[in-house]
Amino acid sequence: MSKDPFQILADELTLIRKDMDHLQRTSLDKDEAKKLNQIVTAAVLKMAKATEDAPGEIQGALEADRDQMARSATQGSIPVGGRMTP
């Protein structure tokens, strides 16, 4: 037995109302959306700045490590007495 067209329409409207209620509970209002946008924008800008600064920081760390290795190698090549023999 098929449903009455009026009952089908009523069922569909009930489903739409339930979907709208769910969307209202899970959606942000305008102020919440603005705050979320500010947070996300600030995080993206911070990540972009970190990405820009990273090559210089890495280069500085590599140079410091190279200098430390050179000092260690130099100190290791000097005899205990402090004089190098030819």
PDB file of N, CA and C in Angstrom:
ATOM      1  N   MET A   1       0.842  -1.173   0.000  1.00  0.00           N
ATOM      2  CA  MET A   1       0.000   0.000   0.000  1.00  0.00           C
ATOM      3  C   MET A   1       0.890   1.240   0.000  1.00  0.00           C
ATOM      4  N   SER A   2       0.601   2.176  -0.881  1.00  0.00           N
ATOM      5  CA  SER A   2       1.417   3.382  -0.975  1.00  0.00           C
ATOM      6  C   SER A   2       0.914   4.449  -0.015  1.00  0.00           C
ATOM      7  N   LYS A   3       1.825   5.351   0.302  1.00  0.00           N
ATOM      8  CA  LYS A   3       1.476   6.420   1.239  1.00  0.00           C
ATOM      9  C   LYS A   3       0.662   7.497   0.542  1.00  0.00           C
ATOM     10  N   ASP A   4      -0.097   8.159   1.333  1.00  0.00           N
ATOM     11  CA  ASP A   4      -0.875   9.303   0.879  1.00  0.00           C
ATOM     12  C   ASP A   4       0.105  10.424   0.506  1.00  0.00           C
ATOM     13  N   PRO A   5      -0.079  11.108  -0.645  1.00  0.00           N
ATOM     14  CA  PRO A   5       0.833  12.193  -1.033  1.00  0.00           C
ATOM     15  C   PRO A   5       0.976  13.262   0.048  1.00  0.00           C
ATOM     16  N   PHE A   6      -0.083  13.545   0.757  1.00  0.00           N
ATOM     17  CA  PHE A   6      -0.003  14.519   1.843  1.00  0.00           C
ATOM     18  C   PHE A   6       0.936  14.030   2.946  1.00  0.00           C
ATOM     19  N   GLN A   7       0.873  12.736   3.264  1.00  0.00           N
ATOM     20  CA  GLN A   7       1.746  12.169   4.297  1.00  0.00           C
ATOM     21  C   GLN A   7       3.212  12.196   3.843  1.00  0.00           C
ATOM     22  N   ILE A   8       3.448  11.921   2.563  1.00  0.00           N
ATOM     23  CA  ILE A   8       4.813  11.980   2.013  1.00  0.00           C
ATOM     24  C   ILE A   8       5.366  13.395   2.164  1.00  0.00           C
ATOM     25  N   LEU A   9       4.542  14.389   1.814  1.00  0.00           N
ATOM     26  CA  LEU A   9       4.956  15.790   1.948  1.00  0.00           C
ATOM     27  C   LEU A   9       5.224  16.142   3.405  1.00  0.00           C
ATOM     28  N   ALA A  10       4.382  15.700   4.297  1.00  0.00           N
ATOM     29  CA  ALA A  10       4.566  15.981   5.727  1.00  0.00           C
ATOM     30  C   ALA A  10       5.851  15.338   6.243  1.00  0.00           C
ATOM     31  N   ASP A  11       6.140  14.117   5.810  1.00  0.00           N
ATOM     32  CA  ASP A  11       7.375  13.434   6.217  1.00  0.00           C
ATOM     33  C   ASP A  11       8.607  14.180   5.705  1.00  0.00           C
ATOM     34  N   GLU A  12       8.551  14.627   4.458  1.00  0.00           N
ATOM     35  CA  GLU A  12       9.674  15.371   3.886  1.00  0.00           C
ATOM     36  C   GLU A  12       9.899  16.689   4.627  1.00  0.00           C
ATOM     37  N   LEU A  13       8.806  17.388   4.943  1.00  0.00           N
ATOM     38  CA  LEU A  13       8.927  18.642   5.696  1.00  0.00           C
ATOM     39  C   LEU A  13       9.516  18.399   7.082  1.00  0.00           C
ATOM     40  N   THR A  14       9.140  17.281   7.708  1.00  0.00           N
ATOM     41  CA  THR A  14       9.688  16.938   9.018  1.00  0.00           C
ATOM     42  C   THR A  14      11.193  16.700   8.913  1.00  0.00           C
ATOM     43  N   LEU A  15      11.616  15.994   7.877  1.00  0.00           N
ATOM     44  CA  LEU A  15      13.051  15.757   7.662  1.00  0.00           C
ATOM     45  C   LEU A  15      13.808  17.069   7.431  1.00  0.00           C
ATOM     46  N   ILE A  16      13.216  17.942   6.646  1.00  0.00           N
ATOM     47  CA  ILE A  16      13.857  19.249   6.391  1.00  0.00           C
ATOM     48  C   ILE A  16      13.969  20.034   7.690  1.00  0.00           C
ATOM     49  N   ARG A  17      12.921  20.036   8.511  1.00  0.00           N
ATOM     50  CA  ARG A  17      12.966  20.752   9.787  1.00  0.00           C
ATOM     51  C   ARG A  17      14.055  20.188  10.695  1.00  0.00           C
ATOM     52  N   LYS A  18      14.174  18.870  10.741  1.00  0.00           N
ATOM     53  CA  LYS A  18      15.222  18.240  11.563  1.00  0.00           C
ATOM     54  C   LYS A  18      16.611  18.624  11.057  1.00  0.00           C
ATOM     55  N   ASP A  19      16.779  18.630   9.731  1.00  0.00           N
ATOM     56  CA  ASP A  19      18.072  19.028   9.155  1.00  0.00           C
ATOM     57  C   ASP A  19      18.404  20.478   9.498  1.00  0.00           C
ATOM     58  N   MET A  20      17.397  21.356   9.428  1.00  0.00           N
ATOM     59  CA  MET A  20      17.623  22.774   9.746  1.00  0.00           C
ATOM     60  C   MET A  20      17.969  22.948  11.223  1.00  0.00           C
ATOM     61  N   ASP A  21      17.300  22.219  12.093  1.00  0.00           N
ATOM     62  CA  ASP A  21      17.623  22.277  13.522  1.00  0.00           C
ATOM     63  C   ASP A  21      19.058  21.837  13.769  1.00  0.00           C
ATOM     64  N   HIS A  22      19.450  20.776  13.105  1.00  0.00           N
ATOM     65  CA  HIS A  22      20.815  20.284  13.252  1.00  0.00           C
ATOM     66  C   HIS A  22      21.823  21.323  12.752  1.00  0.00           C
ATOM     67  N   LEU A  23      21.559  21.931  11.618  1.00  0.00           N
ATOM     68  CA  LEU A  23      22.460  22.955  11.080  1.00  0.00           C
ATOM     69  C   LEU A  23      22.563  24.158  12.013  1.00  0.00           C
ATOM     70  N   GLN A  24      21.468  24.550  12.610  1.00  0.00           N
ATOM     71  CA  GLN A  24      21.495  25.681  13.530  1.00  0.00           C
ATOM     72  C   GLN A  24      22.336  25.373  14.767  1.00  0.00           C
ATOM     73  N   ARG A  25      22.289  24.135  15.230  1.00  0.00           N
ATOM     74  CA  ARG A  25      23.077  23.755  16.410  1.00  0.00           C
ATOM     75  C   ARG A  25      24.563  23.637  16.084  1.00  0.00           C
ATOM     76  N   THR A  26      24.893  23.296  14.848  1.00  0.00           N
ATOM     77  CA  THR A  26      26.295  23.057  14.492  1.00  0.00           C
ATOM     78  C   THR A  26      26.936  24.211  13.738  1.00  0.00           C
ATOM     79  N   SER A  27      26.188  25.239  13.412  1.00  0.00           N
ATOM     80  CA  SER A  27      26.723  26.377  12.660  1.00  0.00           C
ATOM     81  C   SER A  27      27.175  27.479  13.610  1.00  0.00           C
ATOM     82  N   LEU A  28      28.139  28.271  13.141  1.00  0.00           N
ATOM     83  CA  LEU A  28      28.623  29.410  13.914  1.00  0.00           C
ATOM     84  C   LEU A  28      27.757  30.630  13.629  1.00  0.00           C
ATOM     85  N   ASP A  29      27.585  31.471  14.649  1.00  0.00           N
ATOM     86  CA  ASP A  29      26.929  32.740  14.372  1.00  0.00           C
ATOM     87  C   ASP A  29      27.995  33.714  13.850  1.00  0.00           C
ATOM     88  N   LYS A  30      27.597  34.905  13.507  1.00  0.00           N
ATOM     89  CA  LYS A  30      28.507  35.861  12.873  1.00  0.00           C
ATOM     90  C   LYS A  30      29.702  36.197  13.761  1.00  0.00           C
ATOM     91  N   ASP A  31      29.464  36.449  15.047  1.00  0.00           N
ATOM     92  CA  ASP A  31      30.564  36.786  15.962  1.00  0.00           C
ATOM     93  C   ASP A  31      31.528  35.615  16.147  1.00  0.00           C
ATOM     94  N   GLU A  32      30.975  34.417  16.275  1.00  0.00           N
ATOM     95  CA  GLU A  32      31.823  33.227  16.409  1.00  0.00           C
ATOM     96  C   GLU A  32      32.668  33.017  15.160  1.00  0.00           C
ATOM     97  N   ALA A  33      32.065  33.235  13.991  1.00  0.00           N
ATOM     98  CA  ALA A  33      32.795  33.077  12.735  1.00  0.00           C
ATOM     99  C   ALA A  33      33.923  34.105  12.626  1.00  0.00           C
ATOM    100  N   LYS A  34      33.670  35.345  13.059  1.00  0.00           N
ATOM    101  CA  LYS A  34      34.710  36.382  13.021  1.00  0.00           C
ATOM    102  C   LYS A  34      35.868  36.024  13.944  1.00  0.00           C
ATOM    103  N   LYS A  35      35.546  35.544  15.158  1.00  0.00           N
ATOM    104  CA  LYS A  35      36.598  35.164  16.106  1.00  0.00           C
ATOM    105  C   LYS A  35      37.415  33.999  15.565  1.00  0.00           C
ATOM    106  N   LEU A  36      36.746  33.002  15.001  1.00  0.00           N
ATOM    107  CA  LEU A  36      37.453  31.867  14.426  1.00  0.00           C
ATOM    108  C   LEU A  36      38.340  32.319  13.273  1.00  0.00           C
ATOM    109  N   ASN A  37      37.833  33.221  12.454  1.00  0.00           N
ATOM    110  CA  ASN A  37      38.615  33.748  11.334  1.00  0.00           C
ATOM    111  C   ASN A  37      39.866  34.463  11.836  1.00  0.00           C
ATOM    112  N   GLN A  38      39.733  35.245  12.902  1.00  0.00           N
ATOM    113  CA  GLN A  38      40.891  35.949  13.461  1.00  0.00           C
ATOM    114  C   GLN A  38      41.935  34.966  13.980  1.00  0.00           C
ATOM    115  N   ILE A  39      41.487  33.924  14.663  1.00  0.00           N
ATOM    116  CA  ILE A  39      42.408  32.930  15.204  1.00  0.00           C
ATOM    117  C   ILE A  39      43.141  32.204  14.085  1.00  0.00           C
ATOM    118  N   VAL A  40      42.396  31.783  13.076  1.00  0.00           N
ATOM    119  CA  VAL A  40      42.996  31.046  11.962  1.00  0.00           C
ATOM    120  C   VAL A  40      43.952  31.949  11.181  1.00  0.00           C
ATOM    121  N   THR A  41      43.549  33.188  10.942  1.00  0.00           N
ATOM    122  CA  THR A  41      44.399  34.122  10.214  1.00  0.00           C
ATOM    123  C   THR A  41      45.701  34.381  10.969  1.00  0.00           C
ATOM    124  N   ALA A  42      45.623  34.582  12.273  1.00  0.00           N
ATOM    125  CA  ALA A  42      46.822  34.808  13.078  1.00  0.00           C
ATOM    126  C   ALA A  42      47.738  33.591  13.036  1.00  0.00           C
ATOM    127  N   ALA A  43      47.172  32.399  13.114  1.00  0.00           N
ATOM    128  CA  ALA A  43      47.983  31.176  13.069  1.00  0.00           C
ATOM    129  C   ALA A  43      48.667  31.021  11.712  1.00  0.00           C
ATOM    130  N   VAL A  44      47.950  31.329  10.643  1.00  0.00           N
ATOM    131  CA  VAL A  44      48.535  31.220   9.301  1.00  0.00           C
ATOM    132  C   VAL A  44      49.662  32.234   9.135  1.00  0.00           C
ATOM    133  N   LEU A  45      49.460  33.459   9.604  1.00  0.00           N
ATOM    134  CA  LEU A  45      50.512  34.473   9.506  1.00  0.00           C
ATOM    135  C   LEU A  45      51.743  34.078  10.323  1.00  0.00           C
ATOM    136  N   LYS A  46      51.516  33.492  11.494  1.00  0.00           N
ATOM    137  CA  LYS A  46      52.624  33.038  12.337  1.00  0.00           C
ATOM    138  C   LYS A  46      53.400  31.922  11.637  1.00  0.00           C
ATOM    139  N   MET A  47      52.688  30.994  11.013  1.00  0.00           N
ATOM    140  CA  MET A  47      53.353  29.909  10.290  1.00  0.00           C
ATOM    141  C   MET A  47      54.120  30.457   9.089  1.00  0.00           C
ATOM    142  N   ALA A  48      53.560  31.432   8.395  1.00  0.00           N
ATOM    143  CA  ALA A  48      54.247  32.028   7.250  1.00  0.00           C
ATOM    144  C   ALA A  48      55.523  32.726   7.689  1.00  0.00           C
ATOM    145  N   LYS A  49      55.475  33.443   8.809  1.00  0.00           N
ATOM    146  CA  LYS A  49      56.655  34.133   9.335  1.00  0.00           C
ATOM    147  C   LYS A  49      57.730  33.119   9.717  1.00  0.00           C
ATOM    148  N   ALA A  50      57.325  32.028  10.372  1.00  0.00           N
ATOM    149  CA  ALA A  50      58.279  30.986  10.768  1.00  0.00           C
ATOM    150  C   ALA A  50      58.932  30.362   9.539  1.00  0.00           C
ATOM    151  N   THR A  51      58.153  30.189   8.486  1.00  0.00           N
ATOM    152  CA  THR A  51      58.687  29.619   7.252  1.00  0.00           C
ATOM    153  C   THR A  51      59.694  30.568   6.613  1.00  0.00           C
ATOM    154  N   GLU A  52      59.421  31.860   6.661  1.00  0.00           N
ATOM    155  CA  GLU A  52      60.345  32.846   6.097  1.00  0.00           C
ATOM    156  C   GLU A  52      61.644  32.908   6.900  1.00  0.00           C
ATOM    157  N   ASP A  53      61.544  32.806   8.221  1.00  0.00           N
ATOM    158  CA  ASP A  53      62.710  32.922   9.090  1.00  0.00           C
ATOM    159  C   ASP A  53      63.553  31.652   9.131  1.00  0.00           C
ATOM    160  N   ALA A  54      62.971  30.523   8.789  1.00  0.00           N
ATOM    161  CA  ALA A  54      63.656  29.238   8.943  1.00  0.00           C
ATOM    162  C   ALA A  54      64.977  29.146   8.189  1.00  0.00           C
ATOM    163  N   PRO A  55      65.074  29.547   6.909  1.00  0.00           N
ATOM    164  CA  PRO A  55      66.361  29.407   6.218  1.00  0.00           C
ATOM    165  C   PRO A  55      67.492  30.179   6.902  1.00  0.00           C
ATOM    166  N   GLY A  56      67.228  31.379   7.365  1.00  0.00           N
ATOM    167  CA  GLY A  56      68.258  32.159   8.051  1.00  0.00           C
ATOM    168  C   GLY A  56      68.671  31.518   9.360  1.00  0.00           C
ATOM    169  N   GLU A  57      67.704  31.009  10.105  1.00  0.00           N
ATOM    170  CA  GLU A  57      68.014  30.355  11.372  1.00  0.00           C
ATOM    171  C   GLU A  57      68.807  29.078  11.147  1.00  0.00           C
ATOM    172  N   ILE A  58      68.447  28.331  10.126  1.00  0.00           N
ATOM    173  CA  ILE A  58      69.183  27.103   9.804  1.00  0.00           C
ATOM    174  C   ILE A  58      70.598  27.453   9.372  1.00  0.00           C
ATOM    175  N   GLN A  59      70.737  28.476   8.534  1.00  0.00           N
ATOM    176  CA  GLN A  59      72.064  28.899   8.066  1.00  0.00           C
ATOM    177  C   GLN A  59      72.930  29.324   9.256  1.00  0.00           C
ATOM    178  N   GLY A  60      72.349  30.085  10.179  1.00  0.00           N
ATOM    179  CA  GLY A  60      73.099  30.513  11.366  1.00  0.00           C
ATOM    180  C   GLY A  60      73.536  29.336  12.215  1.00  0.00           C
ATOM    181  N   ALA A  61      72.655  28.370  12.393  1.00  0.00           N
ATOM    182  CA  ALA A  61      72.999  27.184  13.169  1.00  0.00           C
ATOM    183  C   ALA A  61      74.094  26.378  12.487  1.00  0.00           C
ATOM    184  N   LEU A  62      74.030  26.264  11.173  1.00  0.00           N
ATOM    185  CA  LEU A  62      75.077  25.535  10.439  1.00  0.00           C
ATOM    186  C   LEU A  62      76.424  26.245  10.547  1.00  0.00           C
ATOM    187  N   GLU A  63      76.414  27.574  10.458  1.00  0.00           N
ATOM    188  CA  GLU A  63      77.667  28.326  10.580  1.00  0.00           C
ATOM    189  C   GLU A  63      78.262  28.178  11.981  1.00  0.00           C
ATOM    190  N   ALA A  64      77.428  28.233  12.995  1.00  0.00           N
ATOM    191  CA  ALA A  64      77.911  28.067  14.368  1.00  0.00           C
ATOM    192  C   ALA A  64      78.480  26.667  14.562  1.00  0.00           C
ATOM    193  N   ASP A  65      77.829  25.672  14.009  1.00  0.00           N
ATOM    194  CA  ASP A  65      78.315  24.294  14.115  1.00  0.00           C
ATOM    195  C   ASP A  65      79.644  24.135  13.378  1.00  0.00           C
ATOM    196  N   ARG A  66      79.747  24.737  12.207  1.00  0.00           N
ATOM    197  CA  ARG A  66      80.999  24.675  11.440  1.00  0.00           C
ATOM    198  C   ARG A  66      82.134  25.335  12.212  1.00  0.00           C
ATOM    199  N   ASP A  67      81.857  26.488  12.822  1.00  0.00           N
ATOM    200  CA  ASP A  67      82.882  27.181  13.602  1.00  0.00           C
ATOM    201  C   ASP A  67      83.318  26.343  14.799  1.00  0.00           C
ATOM    202  N   GLN A  68      82.365  25.711  15.467  1.00  0.00           N
ATOM    203  CA  GLN A  68      82.682  24.860  16.620  1.00  0.00           C
ATOM    204  C   GLN A  68      83.532  23.666  16.185  1.00  0.00           C
ATOM    205  N   MET A  69      83.194  23.079  15.050  1.00  0.00           N
ATOM    206  CA  MET A  69      83.984  21.945  14.549  1.00  0.00           C
ATOM    207  C   MET A  69      85.395  22.390  14.207  1.00  0.00           C
ATOM    208  N   ALA A  70      85.543  23.584  13.620  1.00  0.00           N
ATOM    209  CA  ALA A  70      86.875  24.093  13.285  1.00  0.00           C
ATOM    210  C   ALA A  70      87.682  24.329  14.560  1.00  0.00           C
ATOM    211  N   ARG A  71      87.061  24.896  15.587  1.00  0.00           N
ATOM    212  CA  ARG A  71      87.771  25.110  16.861  1.00  0.00           C
ATOM    213  C   ARG A  71      88.180  23.779  17.481  1.00  0.00           C
ATOM    214  N   SER A  72      87.274  22.811  17.448  1.00  0.00           N
ATOM    215  CA  SER A  72      87.587  21.500  18.019  1.00  0.00           C
ATOM    216  C   SER A  72      88.727  20.832  17.265  1.00  0.00           C
ATOM    217  N   ALA A  73      88.711  20.942  15.954  1.00  0.00           N
ATOM    218  CA  ALA A  73      89.786  20.339  15.152  1.00  0.00           C
ATOM    219  C   ALA A  73      91.105  21.030  15.421  1.00  0.00           C
ATOM    220  N   THR A  74      91.066  22.361  15.557  1.00  0.00           N
ATOM    221  CA  THR A  74      92.295  23.115  15.828  1.00  0.00           C
ATOM    222  C   THR A  74      92.839  22.760  17.200  1.00  0.00           C
ATOM    223  N   GLN A  75      91.980  22.695  18.193  1.00  0.00           N
ATOM    224  CA  GLN A  75      92.418  22.362  19.544  1.00  0.00           C
ATOM    225  C   GLN A  75      92.953  20.933  19.605  1.00  0.00           C
ATOM    226  N   GLY A  76      92.392  20.042  18.847  1.00  0.00           N
ATOM    227  CA  GLY A  76      92.856  18.664  18.837  1.00  0.00           C
ATOM    228  C   GLY A  76      94.185  18.498  18.150  1.00  0.00           C
ATOM    229  N   SER A  77      94.552  19.421  17.285  1.00  0.00           N
ATOM    230  CA  SER A  77      95.821  19.287  16.558  1.00  0.00           C
ATOM    231  C   SER A  77      96.978  19.920  17.311  1.00  0.00           C
ATOM    232  N   ILE A  78      96.720  20.718  18.336  1.00  0.00           N
ATOM    233  CA  ILE A  78      97.795  21.337  19.107  1.00  0.00           C
ATOM    234  C   ILE A  78      98.252  20.349  20.185  1.00  0.00           C
ATOM    235  N   PRO A  79      99.564  20.079  20.250  1.00  0.00           N
ATOM    236  CA  PRO A  79     100.062  19.132  21.251  1.00  0.00           C
ATOM    237  C   PRO A  79      99.851  19.679  22.669  1.00  0.00           C
ATOM    238  N   VAL A  80      99.916  18.804  23.626  1.00  0.00           N
ATOM    239  CA  VAL A  80      99.685  19.158  25.024  1.00  0.00           C
ATOM    240  C   VAL A  80     100.639  20.238  25.465  1.00  0.00           C
ATOM    241  N   GLY A  81     101.885  20.191  25.012  1.00  0.00           N
ATOM    242  CA  GLY A  81     102.886  21.179  25.408  1.00  0.00           C
ATOM    243  C   GLY A  81     102.638  22.552  24.804  1.00  0.00           C
ATOM    244  N   GLY A  82     101.744  22.646  23.842  1.00  0.00           N
ATOM    245  CA  GLY A  82     101.403  23.935  23.277  1.00  0.00           C
ATOM    246  C   GLY A  82     102.249  24.317  22.062  1.00  0.00           C
ATOM    247  N   ARG A  83     103.291  23.531  21.735  1.00  0.00           N
ATOM    248  CA  ARG A  83     104.118  23.865  20.580  1.00  0.00           C
ATOM    249  C   ARG A  83     103.939  22.812  19.510  1.00  0.00           C
ATOM    250  N   MET A  84     103.875  23.275  18.312  1.00  0.00           N
ATOM    251  CA  MET A  84     103.770  22.352  17.198  1.00  0.00           C
ATOM    252  C   MET A  84     105.159  22.117  16.653  1.00  0.00           C
ATOM    253  N   THR A  85     105.474  20.892  16.350  1.00  0.00           N
ATOM    254  CA  THR A  85     106.783  20.587  15.780  1.00  0.00           C
ATOM    255  C   THR A  85     106.667  20.451  14.298  1.00  0.00           C
ATOM    256  N   PRO A  86     107.721  20.908  13.566  1.00  0.00           N
ATOM    257  CA  PRO A  86     107.653  20.858  12.099  1.00  0.00           C
ATOM    258  C   PRO A  86     107.719  19.467  11.550  1.00  0.00           C
TER     259      PRO A  86
END
